[in-house]
Protein backbone atom coordinates (compact mmCIF):
# COMPACT_ATOMS: atom_id res chain seq x y z
CA MET A 1 94.03 -65.94 83.17
CA LYS A 2 96.49 -66.08 86.07
CA GLN A 3 93.58 -65.60 88.45
CA LEU A 4 91.76 -68.48 86.72
CA TYR A 5 94.67 -70.81 87.40
CA ARG A 6 94.85 -69.84 91.08
CA THR A 7 91.18 -70.81 91.36
CA VAL A 8 91.85 -74.10 89.59
CA ALA A 9 94.92 -74.86 91.66
CA ALA A 10 93.05 -74.21 94.89
CA SER A 11 90.45 -76.74 93.83
CA LEU A 12 92.83 -79.44 92.72
CA GLY A 13 93.79 -80.48 96.25
CA ILE A 14 90.39 -82.13 96.64
CA LEU A 15 89.53 -82.72 93.01
CA MET A 16 92.39 -84.90 91.85
CA THR A 17 92.20 -88.68 91.63
CA THR A 18 95.26 -90.58 90.39
CA PHE A 19 95.53 -94.21 89.32
CA LEU A 20 97.79 -96.36 87.16
CA VAL A 21 96.61 -96.95 83.60
CA SER A 22 99.60 -99.01 82.49
CA ALA A 23 103.06 -100.00 83.63
CA GLN A 24 104.39 -96.86 81.92
CA ALA A 25 101.83 -94.25 82.96
CA LYS A 26 99.41 -92.91 85.52
CA GLU A 27 96.17 -91.02 84.97
CA THR A 28 94.96 -88.15 87.12
CA ILE A 29 91.40 -86.84 86.91
CA VAL A 30 91.43 -83.06 87.30
CA LYS A 31 88.62 -80.52 87.39
CA LEU A 32 89.01 -77.02 85.98
CA LYS A 33 86.70 -74.08 86.61
CA VAL A 34 85.68 -72.09 83.52
CA GLU A 35 83.11 -69.31 83.75
CA GLY A 36 81.74 -70.86 86.93
CA GLN A 37 81.39 -74.34 85.45
CA THR A 38 83.54 -77.44 85.91
CA ILE A 39 85.48 -79.13 83.12
CA VAL A 40 86.54 -82.71 83.84
CA ALA A 41 89.81 -83.83 82.29
CA ALA A 42 92.22 -86.77 82.36
CA LEU A 43 95.93 -86.02 82.66
CA VAL A 44 98.14 -88.98 81.68
CA THR A 45 101.80 -88.70 82.61
CA PRO A 46 104.58 -91.16 81.76
CA ASP A 47 106.50 -92.76 84.61
CA ASP A 48 110.17 -91.87 85.12
CA VAL A 49 109.99 -88.71 82.97
CA ALA A 50 110.40 -85.45 84.81
CA LYS A 51 108.33 -82.61 83.30
CA PRO A 52 107.45 -84.33 80.02
CA PRO A 53 106.08 -82.52 76.96
CA VAL A 54 102.29 -82.61 76.86
CA VAL A 55 99.50 -82.77 74.29
CA LEU A 56 96.05 -81.24 74.82
CA MET A 57 93.36 -83.39 73.15
CA LEU A 58 90.04 -81.90 71.97
CA HIS A 59 87.19 -84.28 71.12
CA GLY A 60 84.56 -83.99 68.42
CA PHE A 61 80.83 -83.22 68.22
CA THR A 62 78.72 -85.33 70.65
CA GLY A 63 81.95 -87.00 71.82
CA SER A 64 83.82 -87.01 75.12
CA ARG A 65 87.41 -87.06 76.29
CA ASN A 66 88.16 -90.67 75.25
CA GLU A 67 86.78 -89.99 71.76
CA TRP A 68 85.16 -92.61 69.51
CA SER A 69 85.12 -96.08 71.08
CA SER A 70 84.04 -99.48 69.77
CA GLU A 71 84.45 -103.16 70.49
CA ALA A 72 87.73 -102.98 68.59
CA VAL A 73 88.98 -99.88 70.42
CA LYS A 74 87.27 -99.97 73.80
CA GLU A 75 89.44 -97.26 75.34
CA GLY A 76 88.50 -94.80 72.58
CA LEU A 77 90.68 -93.15 69.95
CA PHE A 78 92.08 -90.58 72.38
CA GLY A 79 92.37 -93.05 75.24
CA ARG A 80 94.44 -95.31 72.99
CA ALA A 81 96.58 -92.43 71.77
CA ALA A 82 97.21 -91.22 75.33
CA LEU A 83 98.74 -94.57 76.32
CA ALA A 84 100.90 -94.67 73.18
CA LEU A 85 102.14 -91.14 73.86
CA ALA A 86 102.96 -92.03 77.47
CA LYS A 87 105.04 -95.00 76.32
CA ASN A 88 107.05 -92.50 74.29
CA GLY A 89 107.59 -90.07 77.16
CA ILE A 90 104.79 -87.63 76.22
CA ALA A 91 102.01 -86.61 78.60
CA SER A 92 98.46 -85.75 77.52
CA LEU A 93 95.38 -83.95 78.81
CA ARG A 94 91.98 -85.10 77.49
CA ILE A 95 89.11 -82.75 78.35
CA ASP A 96 85.34 -83.08 78.26
CA PHE A 97 84.07 -79.83 76.76
CA ARG A 98 81.34 -78.18 78.81
CA GLY A 99 78.05 -79.86 77.98
CA SER A 100 79.80 -83.13 77.13
CA GLY A 101 81.01 -86.16 79.08
CA GLU A 102 81.28 -85.49 82.81
CA SER A 103 81.71 -81.72 82.56
CA ASP A 104 79.13 -79.20 83.71
CA GLY A 105 76.72 -77.50 81.35
CA LYS A 106 74.03 -78.47 78.88
CA PHE A 107 74.93 -79.75 75.43
CA GLU A 108 72.33 -77.43 73.91
CA ASP A 109 74.40 -74.43 75.08
CA ILE A 110 77.61 -75.28 73.25
CA THR A 111 79.03 -73.19 70.43
CA VAL A 112 82.35 -73.36 68.62
CA GLU A 113 83.41 -70.32 70.65
CA THR A 114 82.59 -71.92 74.04
CA GLU A 115 84.79 -74.86 73.07
CA ILE A 116 87.60 -72.48 72.10
CA THR A 117 87.27 -70.90 75.56
CA ASP A 118 87.43 -74.33 77.24
CA ALA A 119 90.54 -75.27 75.26
CA GLN A 120 92.32 -72.05 76.18
CA ALA A 121 91.54 -72.64 79.87
CA ALA A 122 93.10 -76.09 79.55
CA LEU A 123 96.20 -74.58 77.94
CA ASP A 124 96.47 -72.13 80.84
CA PHE A 125 96.28 -75.04 83.27
CA LEU A 126 99.02 -76.94 81.44
CA SER A 127 101.24 -73.86 81.21
CA ALA A 128 101.29 -73.60 85.00
CA ASN A 129 101.14 -77.28 85.94
CA LYS A 130 104.38 -78.48 87.53
CA SER A 131 104.01 -82.13 86.49
CA VAL A 132 104.51 -81.30 82.79
CA ASP A 133 106.68 -78.95 80.77
CA GLY A 134 104.54 -75.87 80.14
CA LYS A 135 106.93 -74.74 77.44
CA ARG A 136 106.45 -77.91 75.39
CA ILE A 137 102.70 -78.04 74.74
CA SER A 138 101.14 -79.43 71.57
CA LEU A 139 97.50 -79.42 70.50
CA MET A 140 95.44 -82.24 69.00
CA GLY A 141 91.83 -82.22 67.84
CA MET A 142 89.40 -84.51 66.04
CA SER A 143 86.42 -83.56 63.86
CA LEU A 144 84.78 -80.45 65.39
CA GLY A 145 87.60 -80.55 67.96
CA GLY A 146 89.96 -80.23 65.01
CA ALA A 147 88.20 -77.08 63.83
CA VAL A 148 88.40 -75.74 67.39
CA SER A 149 92.12 -76.59 67.37
CA THR A 150 92.72 -74.44 64.28
CA ALA A 151 91.14 -71.47 66.06
CA VAL A 152 93.06 -72.06 69.28
CA ALA A 153 96.32 -72.46 67.36
CA GLY A 154 95.71 -69.23 65.48
CA ARG A 155 94.56 -67.16 68.45
CA THR A 156 96.36 -68.39 71.56
CA LYS A 157 99.26 -66.55 73.15
CA THR A 158 100.44 -69.89 74.59
CA PRO A 159 103.38 -71.09 72.45
CA LEU A 160 102.59 -74.42 70.79
CA LYS A 161 105.23 -76.93 69.73
CA ALA A 162 102.96 -78.70 67.21
CA VAL A 163 99.34 -79.15 66.11
CA VAL A 164 97.70 -82.47 65.14
CA LEU A 165 94.34 -82.59 63.34
CA TRP A 166 92.38 -85.85 62.85
CA ASN A 167 89.60 -85.52 60.24
CA PRO A 168 89.06 -81.91 61.31
CA GLY A 169 86.03 -79.88 60.33
CA ILE A 170 87.31 -77.70 57.47
CA ASN A 171 84.09 -76.34 55.98
CA LEU A 172 81.86 -76.44 59.05
CA PRO A 173 78.54 -75.43 57.44
CA ALA A 174 78.99 -78.10 54.75
CA ALA A 175 79.94 -80.76 57.29
CA PHE A 176 76.90 -80.08 59.46
CA THR A 177 74.63 -79.93 56.44
CA SER A 178 75.71 -83.53 55.80
CA ILE A 179 74.63 -84.32 59.38
CA PHE A 180 71.34 -82.40 59.57
CA GLY A 181 70.35 -81.60 55.99
CA GLU A 182 69.80 -78.27 54.25
CA LYS A 183 66.28 -77.58 55.55
CA GLN A 184 67.19 -78.02 59.21
CA MET A 185 70.38 -75.97 58.83
CA ALA A 186 68.39 -73.08 57.30
CA GLU A 187 65.83 -73.21 60.12
CA ALA A 188 68.27 -73.76 62.97
CA VAL A 189 70.49 -70.79 62.16
CA THR A 190 67.55 -68.45 62.79
CA ALA A 191 66.69 -69.88 66.23
CA GLY A 192 68.97 -67.51 68.18
CA HIS A 193 68.91 -68.31 71.90
CA GLU A 194 66.08 -70.79 71.47
CA VAL A 195 66.61 -74.55 71.23
CA TYR A 196 66.13 -76.07 67.80
CA PRO A 197 65.27 -79.82 67.89
CA ALA A 198 67.72 -80.87 65.19
CA LYS A 199 67.52 -84.47 64.02
CA ARG A 200 70.41 -86.36 62.51
CA VAL A 201 69.70 -87.34 58.90
CA GLY A 202 71.04 -90.89 59.11
CA ASP A 203 69.19 -92.26 62.14
CA GLY A 204 66.74 -89.52 63.11
CA LYS A 205 68.33 -89.04 66.52
CA GLU A 206 67.36 -85.71 68.04
CA ILE A 207 70.27 -83.47 69.04
CA PRO A 208 68.77 -80.27 70.49
CA LEU A 209 70.99 -77.21 70.00
CA LYS A 210 70.43 -73.50 70.22
CA GLY A 211 70.57 -71.37 67.13
CA ARG A 212 73.77 -69.77 68.45
CA PHE A 213 75.59 -73.03 67.79
CA PHE A 214 74.61 -73.03 64.13
CA GLU A 215 75.57 -69.35 63.83
CA SER A 216 79.02 -70.17 65.24
CA LEU A 217 79.62 -72.68 62.43
CA TYR A 218 79.69 -69.76 60.01
CA ALA A 219 81.69 -67.45 62.30
CA VAL A 220 84.74 -69.71 62.69
CA GLN A 221 86.66 -70.36 59.46
CA PRO A 222 89.39 -73.02 59.99
CA ALA A 223 91.41 -71.91 56.94
CA GLY A 224 91.62 -68.35 58.18
CA GLU A 225 92.37 -69.51 61.73
CA ILE A 226 95.21 -71.87 60.75
CA SER A 227 96.82 -69.19 58.58
CA ARG A 228 97.93 -67.45 61.79
CA TYR A 229 99.71 -70.57 63.09
CA LYS A 230 103.24 -71.03 61.73
CA GLY A 231 104.39 -74.15 63.59
CA PRO A 232 104.48 -77.85 62.61
CA LEU A 233 101.12 -79.27 61.51
CA PHE A 234 100.05 -82.92 61.09
CA LEU A 235 96.79 -83.42 59.21
CA ALA A 236 95.25 -86.91 59.06
CA VAL A 237 92.18 -87.66 56.93
CA GLY A 238 90.09 -90.58 55.75
CA THR A 239 89.44 -90.45 52.02
CA ARG A 240 86.08 -92.21 52.58
CA ASP A 241 84.90 -89.67 55.12
CA SER A 242 81.23 -88.88 54.40
CA ILE A 243 81.08 -85.91 56.80
CA VAL A 244 84.22 -83.95 55.92
CA PHE A 245 84.51 -84.48 52.16
CA PRO A 246 85.81 -84.65 49.49
CA GLN A 247 89.17 -85.82 50.76
CA PRO A 248 92.06 -85.29 50.37
CA VAL A 249 90.89 -82.23 48.38
CA LEU A 250 89.69 -80.35 51.48
CA ALA A 251 92.82 -81.27 53.42
CA LYS A 252 95.08 -79.88 50.72
CA SER A 253 92.97 -76.74 50.63
CA LEU A 254 93.41 -76.23 54.38
CA LEU A 255 97.17 -76.82 54.14
CA SER A 256 97.44 -74.15 51.44
CA TYR A 257 96.55 -71.58 54.13
CA HIS A 258 99.21 -72.84 56.54
CA ASP A 259 102.69 -71.37 56.31
CA GLY A 260 104.97 -73.79 58.14
CA PRO A 261 106.21 -77.40 58.31
CA GLU A 262 103.38 -79.83 57.61
CA GLU A 263 102.53 -83.47 56.94
CA LEU A 264 99.43 -84.90 55.26
CA TRP A 265 98.46 -88.47 56.21
CA ALA A 266 95.60 -90.15 54.32
CA GLU A 267 94.04 -93.61 54.33
CA PRO A 268 90.92 -95.03 52.58
CA VAL A 269 88.76 -95.04 55.73
CA ASP A 270 85.74 -93.21 57.15
CA HIS A 271 85.40 -90.34 59.62
CA GLY A 272 86.29 -92.62 62.55
CA PHE A 273 89.36 -94.07 60.86
CA GLY A 274 87.69 -97.48 60.68
CA VAL A 275 87.29 -97.70 64.45
CA GLU A 276 84.00 -99.58 64.17
CA GLN A 277 85.59 -102.32 62.08
CA SER A 278 89.03 -102.84 63.62
CA ALA A 279 91.98 -101.17 65.29
CA LYS A 280 94.25 -101.63 62.25
CA THR A 281 94.06 -98.14 60.75
CA VAL A 282 93.62 -96.53 64.16
CA ASP A 283 96.95 -98.00 65.28
CA LYS A 284 98.63 -96.81 62.08
CA LEU A 285 97.27 -93.32 62.75
CA VAL A 286 98.34 -93.32 66.39
CA SER A 287 101.81 -94.54 65.41
CA ALA A 288 102.20 -91.81 62.77
CA THR A 289 101.00 -89.21 65.28
CA VAL A 290 103.52 -90.38 67.88
CA VAL A 291 106.34 -90.22 65.32
CA PHE A 292 105.33 -86.69 64.36
CA LEU A 293 105.14 -85.52 67.98
CA ASN A 294 108.43 -87.20 68.82
CA SER A 295 109.99 -85.15 66.04
CA ASN A 296 108.16 -81.87 66.62
CA GLY A 297 106.51 -81.85 70.06
CA LYS A 298 109.58 -82.38 72.21
């Protein structure tokens, strides 16, 4: 991975764009090379803090680095959290997984494992980046990005200060059955390297994915992955989540596999923490996350 970082670093001289995002922070767009493809990421660093601790943020299925946005939260869940973290002296790196956002690749080619690879490459970048403290890295993931975070936390050799999970996928096959239905799940998992034209149950939107993606949902087990991580864990769930449910039953089940300090945060909201309705619960969640990282991520 050292060779990977040298390649990244060589590229950054022409692939970095920095601008102020608030009076307390600046944002730098960076581009990382992973398996010959480019990952686009936003690095937010607080002003007047030398080598701050940093949080790597992993978005959910069909999302991008700013995460779920709405009229109430125009900057997105992760964009909003990044600014709050910066105000508290904590940097953050939000990545677009390959196939999502501005990164290279086709969405149909993603699997849970490709996203784990992308996340590890981002950790390698942060470990060697001189603008942040590579020894004080935390990990944060939402939805499918939360499931990816459990695997990264359990497998990585990069020491993590803390892990934050927002409505993470806990039983991935069940969660995606709620999205696509039983018939499509049964058909899609046999498609192999071919594209299966999966349609979302709620609105009929087509989300083409290769069979390898559906296979990967069964191969990665978040409970088993998180059992190998012993550090502080913050798990936030919405008890009205219709994708990852029932809650908080699933959350408590996941925590039973984790041997370490932990905190369960729950509110009566949906998978997006009420982002479509208002910023009220979102701000409560961001505040609780900042408190947790102030206590454990520094």
